[in-house]
C-alpha atoms as a PDB file:
ATOM      1  CA  MET A   1      -9.346  11.722  11.545  1.00  0.00           C
ATOM      2  CA  LEU A   2      -8.684   8.025  11.321  1.00  0.00           C
ATOM      3  CA  LEU A   3      -9.958   6.409   8.146  1.00  0.00           C
ATOM      4  CA  PRO A   4     -11.274   2.833   8.037  1.00  0.00           C
ATOM      5  CA  ILE A   5      -9.113   0.460   5.984  1.00  0.00           C
ATOM      6  CA  VAL A   6     -10.830  -1.724   3.409  1.00  0.00           C
ATOM      7  CA  ALA A   7     -10.313  -5.454   3.791  1.00  0.00           C
ATOM      8  CA  TYR A   8      -9.225  -8.027   1.258  1.00  0.00           C
ATOM      9  CA  GLY A   9     -12.086  -8.826  -1.108  1.00  0.00           C
ATOM     10  CA  HIS A  10     -13.425  -5.274  -1.183  1.00  0.00           C
ATOM     11  CA  PRO A  11     -14.023  -4.164  -4.805  1.00  0.00           C
ATOM     12  CA  THR A  12     -12.127  -0.889  -4.305  1.00  0.00           C
ATOM     13  CA  LEU A  13      -8.882  -2.871  -4.000  1.00  0.00           C
ATOM     14  CA  ARG A  14      -9.393  -4.271  -7.509  1.00  0.00           C
ATOM     15  CA  LYS A  15      -9.935  -1.014  -9.406  1.00  0.00           C
ATOM     16  CA  ARG A  16      -7.165   0.885 -11.152  1.00  0.00           C
ATOM     17  CA  SER A  17      -6.986   4.297  -9.479  1.00  0.00           C
ATOM     18  CA  GLU A  18      -7.514   7.618 -11.243  1.00  0.00           C
ATOM     19  CA  GLU A  19      -5.045  10.490 -11.451  1.00  0.00           C
ATOM     20  CA  ILE A  20      -5.962  13.650  -9.597  1.00  0.00           C
ATOM     21  CA  THR A  21      -5.356  17.370 -10.106  1.00  0.00           C
ATOM     22  CA  LYS A  22      -4.247  20.113  -7.731  1.00  0.00           C
ATOM     23  CA  ASP A  23      -7.857  21.067  -7.053  1.00  0.00           C
ATOM     24  CA  TYR A  24      -8.873  17.669  -5.626  1.00  0.00           C
ATOM     25  CA  PRO A  25     -11.381  18.507  -2.840  1.00  0.00           C
ATOM     26  CA  ASP A  26      -9.957  18.705   0.698  1.00  0.00           C
ATOM     27  CA  PHE A  27      -6.715  17.117  -0.443  1.00  0.00           C
ATOM     28  CA  GLU A  28      -4.513  18.371   2.406  1.00  0.00           C
ATOM     29  CA  LYS A  29      -6.946  17.012   4.996  1.00  0.00           C
ATOM     30  CA  PHE A  30      -7.161  13.695   3.160  1.00  0.00           C
ATOM     31  CA  VAL A  31      -3.358  13.348   3.108  1.00  0.00           C
ATOM     32  CA  ALA A  32      -3.162  14.206   6.815  1.00  0.00           C
ATOM     33  CA  ASP A  33      -5.846  11.598   7.578  1.00  0.00           C
ATOM     34  CA  LEU A  34      -4.172   8.993   5.352  1.00  0.00           C
ATOM     35  CA  THR A  35      -0.834   9.561   7.080  1.00  0.00           C
ATOM     36  CA  GLU A  36      -2.339   9.456  10.564  1.00  0.00           C
ATOM     37  CA  THR A  37      -4.177   6.241   9.697  1.00  0.00           C
ATOM     38  CA  MET A  38      -0.929   4.650   8.455  1.00  0.00           C
ATOM     39  CA  TYR A  39       0.861   5.464  11.706  1.00  0.00           C
ATOM     40  CA  VAL A  40      -1.979   4.414  14.026  1.00  0.00           C
ATOM     41  CA  ALA A  41      -2.333   1.102  12.151  1.00  0.00           C
ATOM     42  CA  ASP A  42       1.454   0.609  12.460  1.00  0.00           C
ATOM     43  CA  GLY A  43       2.042   0.572   8.707  1.00  0.00           C
ATOM     44  CA  VAL A  44       5.023   1.701   6.641  1.00  0.00           C
ATOM     45  CA  GLY A  45       2.825   2.658   3.707  1.00  0.00           C
ATOM     46  CA  LEU A  46      -0.812   3.260   2.880  1.00  0.00           C
ATOM     47  CA  ALA A  47      -2.451   3.809  -0.489  1.00  0.00           C
ATOM     48  CA  ALA A  48      -5.660   5.737  -1.099  1.00  0.00           C
ATOM     49  CA  PRO A  49      -7.558   2.654  -2.370  1.00  0.00           C
ATOM     50  CA  GLN A  50      -6.959   1.056   1.029  1.00  0.00           C
ATOM     51  CA  VAL A  51      -9.152   3.767   2.561  1.00  0.00           C
ATOM     52  CA  ASN A  52     -11.790   3.444  -0.156  1.00  0.00           C
ATOM     53  CA  ARG A  53     -10.590   6.248  -2.466  1.00  0.00           C
ATOM     54  CA  ASN A  54      -9.595   5.235  -5.978  1.00  0.00           C
ATOM     55  CA  ILE A  55      -7.071   8.003  -6.532  1.00  0.00           C
ATOM     56  CA  ARG A  56      -3.370   7.645  -7.389  1.00  0.00           C
ATOM     57  CA  VAL A  57      -1.937   8.648  -4.035  1.00  0.00           C
ATOM     58  CA  PHE A  58       0.071   6.863  -1.353  1.00  0.00           C
ATOM     59  CA  VAL A  59       2.203   7.707   1.665  1.00  0.00           C
ATOM     60  CA  ILE A  60       5.248   5.864   2.998  1.00  0.00           C
ATOM     61  CA  ASP A  61       7.579   6.006   5.987  1.00  0.00           C
ATOM     62  CA  CYS A  62      10.448   3.518   5.698  1.00  0.00           C
ATOM     63  CA  ASN A  63      12.192   4.558   8.933  1.00  0.00           C
ATOM     64  CA  PRO A  64      11.138   1.401  10.841  1.00  0.00           C
ATOM     65  CA  PHE A  65      13.500  -0.521   8.515  1.00  0.00           C
ATOM     66  CA  LYS A  66      16.526   1.771   8.962  1.00  0.00           C
ATOM     67  CA  GLU A  67      18.498  -0.427  11.359  1.00  0.00           C
ATOM     68  CA  LYS A  68      18.568  -3.401   9.005  1.00  0.00           C
ATOM     69  CA  TYR A  69      18.337  -1.431   5.737  1.00  0.00           C
ATOM     70  CA  PRO A  70      20.315   1.838   5.875  1.00  0.00           C
ATOM     71  CA  GLU A  71      18.739   3.068   2.607  1.00  0.00           C
ATOM     72  CA  ALA A  72      15.444   3.404   4.521  1.00  0.00           C
ATOM     73  CA  SER A  73      16.708   6.044   6.950  1.00  0.00           C
ATOM     74  CA  GLY A  74      14.751   9.273   6.583  1.00  0.00           C
ATOM     75  CA  VAL A  75      12.721   8.071   3.595  1.00  0.00           C
ATOM     76  CA  LYS A  76       9.102   9.087   3.927  1.00  0.00           C
ATOM     77  CA  GLY A  77       6.718  11.078   1.851  1.00  0.00           C
ATOM     78  CA  LEU A  78       3.696  11.479  -0.338  1.00  0.00           C
ATOM     79  CA  PHE A  79       3.486  10.164  -3.897  1.00  0.00           C
ATOM     80  CA  ILE A  80       0.842  11.740  -6.149  1.00  0.00           C
ATOM     81  CA  ASN A  81       0.071  10.298  -9.604  1.00  0.00           C
ATOM     82  CA  PRO A  82       3.158   8.052  -9.544  1.00  0.00           C
ATOM     83  CA  VAL A  83       4.365   6.117 -12.574  1.00  0.00           C
ATOM     84  CA  ILE A  84       6.999   3.415 -12.223  1.00  0.00           C
ATOM     85  CA  LEU A  85       9.220   3.941 -15.257  1.00  0.00           C
ATOM     86  CA  GLU A  86      11.413   0.868 -14.810  1.00  0.00           C
ATOM     87  CA  GLU A  87      12.149  -2.001 -12.460  1.00  0.00           C
ATOM     88  CA  THR A  88      15.661  -3.445 -12.602  1.00  0.00           C
ATOM     89  CA  GLY A  89      18.117  -5.558 -10.645  1.00  0.00           C
ATOM     90  CA  ASP A  90      18.027  -9.059  -9.326  1.00  0.00           C
ATOM     91  CA  PRO A  91      14.624 -10.039  -7.935  1.00  0.00           C
ATOM     92  CA  TRP A  92      14.621 -10.815  -4.201  1.00  0.00           C
ATOM     93  CA  TYR A  93      12.156 -12.251  -1.742  1.00  0.00           C
ATOM     94  CA  TYR A  94      10.925 -10.448   1.327  1.00  0.00           C
ATOM     95  CA  ASN A  95       8.178 -11.357   3.768  1.00  0.00           C
ATOM     96  CA  GLU A  96       5.440  -8.775   3.123  1.00  0.00           C
ATOM     97  CA  GLY A  97       2.246  -7.968   4.952  1.00  0.00           C
ATOM     98  CA  CYS A  98      -0.570  -5.523   4.277  1.00  0.00           C
ATOM     99  CA  LEU A  99      -3.024  -3.565   6.410  1.00  0.00           C
ATOM    100  CA  SER A 100      -5.840  -4.693   4.072  1.00  0.00           C
ATOM    101  CA  VAL A 101      -4.798  -8.345   4.482  1.00  0.00           C
ATOM    102  CA  PRO A 102      -4.186  -8.526   8.247  1.00  0.00           C
ATOM    103  CA  GLY A 103      -2.516 -11.549   9.768  1.00  0.00           C
ATOM    104  CA  ILE A 104      -0.993 -12.826   6.532  1.00  0.00           C
ATOM    105  CA  HIS A 105       2.694 -12.422   5.735  1.00  0.00           C
ATOM    106  CA  GLU A 106       4.244 -14.079   2.702  1.00  0.00           C
ATOM    107  CA  ASP A 107       7.497 -14.046   0.773  1.00  0.00           C
ATOM    108  CA  VAL A 108       7.047 -11.886  -2.326  1.00  0.00           C
ATOM    109  CA  LEU A 109       9.520 -11.624  -5.215  1.00  0.00           C
ATOM    110  CA  ARG A 110      10.187  -8.088  -6.492  1.00  0.00           C
ATOM    111  CA  LYS A 111      12.935  -6.342  -8.457  1.00  0.00           C
ATOM    112  CA  LYS A 112      15.579  -4.573  -6.369  1.00  0.00           C
ATOM    113  CA  THR A 113      15.567  -1.129  -8.024  1.00  0.00           C
ATOM    114  CA  ILE A 114      12.846   1.139  -9.378  1.00  0.00           C
ATOM    115  CA  LYS A 115      12.747   4.442 -11.187  1.00  0.00           C
ATOM    116  CA  ILE A 116       9.566   6.390 -10.488  1.00  0.00           C
ATOM    117  CA  ARG A 117       8.050   9.703 -11.517  1.00  0.00           C
ATOM    118  CA  TYR A 118       5.610  11.383  -9.133  1.00  0.00           C
ATOM    119  CA  PHE A 119       4.457  14.670  -7.644  1.00  0.00           C
ATOM    120  CA  ASP A 120       5.126  15.567  -4.015  1.00  0.00           C
ATOM    121  CA  GLU A 121       2.860  17.423  -1.581  1.00  0.00           C
ATOM    122  CA  ASN A 122       3.755  20.744  -3.239  1.00  0.00           C
ATOM    123  CA  TRP A 123       2.953  19.376  -6.703  1.00  0.00           C
ATOM    124  CA  VAL A 124       6.627  19.418  -7.647  1.00  0.00           C
ATOM    125  CA  GLU A 125       7.443  16.643 -10.100  1.00  0.00           C
ATOM    126  CA  HIS A 126      10.291  14.254  -9.285  1.00  0.00           C
ATOM    127  CA  THR A 127      11.931  11.353 -11.074  1.00  0.00           C
ATOM    128  CA  LYS A 128      13.902   9.276  -8.592  1.00  0.00           C
ATOM    129  CA  THR A 129      15.535   5.895  -8.269  1.00  0.00           C
ATOM    130  CA  PHE A 130      15.019   3.819  -5.125  1.00  0.00           C
ATOM    131  CA  THR A 131      16.588   0.500  -4.140  1.00  0.00           C
ATOM    132  CA  GLY A 132      16.175  -2.282  -1.627  1.00  0.00           C
ATOM    133  CA  ILE A 133      13.478  -2.105   0.998  1.00  0.00           C
ATOM    134  CA  VAL A 134      12.415   1.410  -0.065  1.00  0.00           C
ATOM    135  CA  ALA A 135      11.808   0.223  -3.630  1.00  0.00           C
ATOM    136  CA  ARG A 136       9.814  -2.694  -2.229  1.00  0.00           C
ATOM    137  CA  VAL A 137       7.572  -0.487  -0.063  1.00  0.00           C
ATOM    138  CA  ILE A 138       6.911   1.767  -3.059  1.00  0.00           C
ATOM    139  CA  GLN A 139       6.192  -1.213  -5.338  1.00  0.00           C
ATOM    140  CA  HIS A 140       3.763  -2.628  -2.774  1.00  0.00           C
ATOM    141  CA  GLU A 141       1.834   0.646  -2.478  1.00  0.00           C
ATOM    142  CA  TYR A 142       1.982   1.221  -6.229  1.00  0.00           C
ATOM    143  CA  ASP A 143       0.364  -2.187  -6.772  1.00  0.00           C
ATOM    144  CA  HIS A 144      -2.653  -0.917  -4.801  1.00  0.00           C
ATOM    145  CA  LEU A 145      -3.043   1.917  -7.311  1.00  0.00           C
ATOM    146  CA  GLU A 146      -3.075  -0.687 -10.089  1.00  0.00           C
ATOM    147  CA  GLY A 147      -5.802  -2.757  -8.396  1.00  0.00           C
ATOM    148  CA  LYS A 148      -3.442  -5.432  -7.049  1.00  0.00           C
ATOM    149  CA  VAL A 149      -2.644  -6.811  -3.606  1.00  0.00           C
ATOM    150  CA  PHE A 150       0.524  -8.633  -2.617  1.00  0.00           C
ATOM    151  CA  THR A 151      -1.212 -12.017  -2.564  1.00  0.00           C
ATOM    152  CA  ASP A 152      -1.626 -11.680  -6.354  1.00  0.00           C
ATOM    153  CA  ARG A 153       2.142 -12.190  -6.598  1.00  0.00           C
ATOM    154  CA  LEU A 154       2.058 -15.575  -4.858  1.00  0.00           C
ATOM    155  CA  SER A 155       2.108 -18.944  -6.575  1.00  0.00           C
ATOM    156  CA  PRO A 156      -1.251 -20.565  -7.361  1.00  0.00           C
ATOM    157  CA  MET A 157      -0.525 -23.271  -4.776  1.00  0.00           C
ATOM    158  CA  ARG A 158       0.256 -20.721  -2.052  1.00  0.00           C
ATOM    159  CA  LYS A 159      -2.938 -18.777  -2.877  1.00  0.00           C
ATOM    160  CA  LEU A 160      -4.920 -21.994  -2.609  1.00  0.00           C
ATOM    161  CA  LEU A 161      -3.414 -22.695   0.806  1.00  0.00           C
ATOM    162  CA  LEU A 162      -4.363 -19.173   1.962  1.00  0.00           C
ATOM    163  CA  LYS A 163      -7.903 -19.287   0.574  1.00  0.00           C
ATOM    164  CA  GLY A 164      -9.531 -19.979   3.950  1.00  0.00           C
ATOM    165  CA  LYS A 165      -7.660 -17.177   5.725  1.00  0.00           C
ATOM    166  CA  LEU A 166      -8.404 -14.726   2.906  1.00  0.00           C
ATOM    167  CA  ASN A 167     -12.075 -15.684   3.044  1.00  0.00           C
ATOM    168  CA  ASP A 168     -12.088 -15.095   6.808  1.00  0.00           C
ATOM    169  CA  ILE A 169     -10.665 -11.606   6.258  1.00  0.00           C
ATOM    170  CA  SER A 170     -13.267 -10.739   3.623  1.00  0.00           C
ATOM    171  CA  GLN A 171     -16.009 -12.038   5.958  1.00  0.00           C
ATOM    172  CA  GLY A 172     -14.771  -9.852   8.819  1.00  0.00           C
ATOM    173  CA  ARG A 173     -13.482 -12.741  10.903  1.00  0.00           C
ATOM    174  CA  VAL A 174     -10.236 -11.035  11.890  1.00  0.00           C
ATOM    175  CA  ASN A 175      -9.047  -9.093  14.921  1.00  0.00           C
ATOM    176  CA  VAL A 176      -7.260  -5.818  14.268  1.00  0.00           C
ATOM    177  CA  ASP A 177      -6.551  -2.682  16.265  1.00  0.00           C
ATOM    178  CA  TYR A 178      -7.915  -0.359  13.571  1.00  0.00           C
ATOM    179  CA  LYS A 179     -11.267   0.203  11.887  1.00  0.00           C
ATOM    180  CA  MET A 180     -11.944  -1.817   8.755  1.00  0.00           C
ATOM    181  CA  ILE A 181     -14.589  -1.999   6.050  1.00  0.00           C
ATOM    182  CA  PHE A 182     -15.416  -5.562   5.011  1.00  0.00           C
ATOM    183  CA  PRO A 183     -16.859  -6.375   1.589  1.00  0.00           C
ATOM    184  CA  THR A 184     -19.518  -8.762   2.847  1.00  0.00           C
ATOM    185  CA  LYS A 185     -20.685  -6.773   5.847  1.00  0.00           C
ATOM    186  CA  ASN A 186     -22.538  -3.508   6.113  1.00  0.00           C
ATOM    187  CA  ASN A 187     -20.842  -2.577   9.365  1.00  0.00           C
ATOM    188  CA  LYS A 188     -17.382  -1.348  10.210  1.00  0.00           C
ATOM    189  CA  ARG A 189     -15.264  -2.804  12.993  1.00  0.00           C
END
């Protein structure tokens, strides 16, 4: 089942997400729905807060980047209760977008390498290091679990210049090919 994606300005995007346990209700179905929603919306990652669930879960599929970034080939999966242990390497800019902030793409500075601890779909714990575009996708989704969106990482001047577009998104004045929940409207589109 496709899940509606919450739009910029929705309070769910600003809350720090809670850890879950193995007995989280209907978890397998939720993960299947989250993954399907990511693919249908043409995303490379989707975090639970983006579908109005404040739990520490996200899915990624970095394969669309594999031609330009070989480290992305075959990297996809589920991250449960992740904790970024360290971020290292030279920071680099990349033009990011977000399904909750449709139509806006901005250069965001992030560290090149991360070390992260998380549980997979079988509740097996992993501690792994990721670099390049894969690290960036994970950092972007991880930010959602911390109550942040990528526009928070922009300069104050850039945020000011985007204020009108961000307001339009929160008001529901945006065209997307997927269902969304807007903070100032009672309806979904």
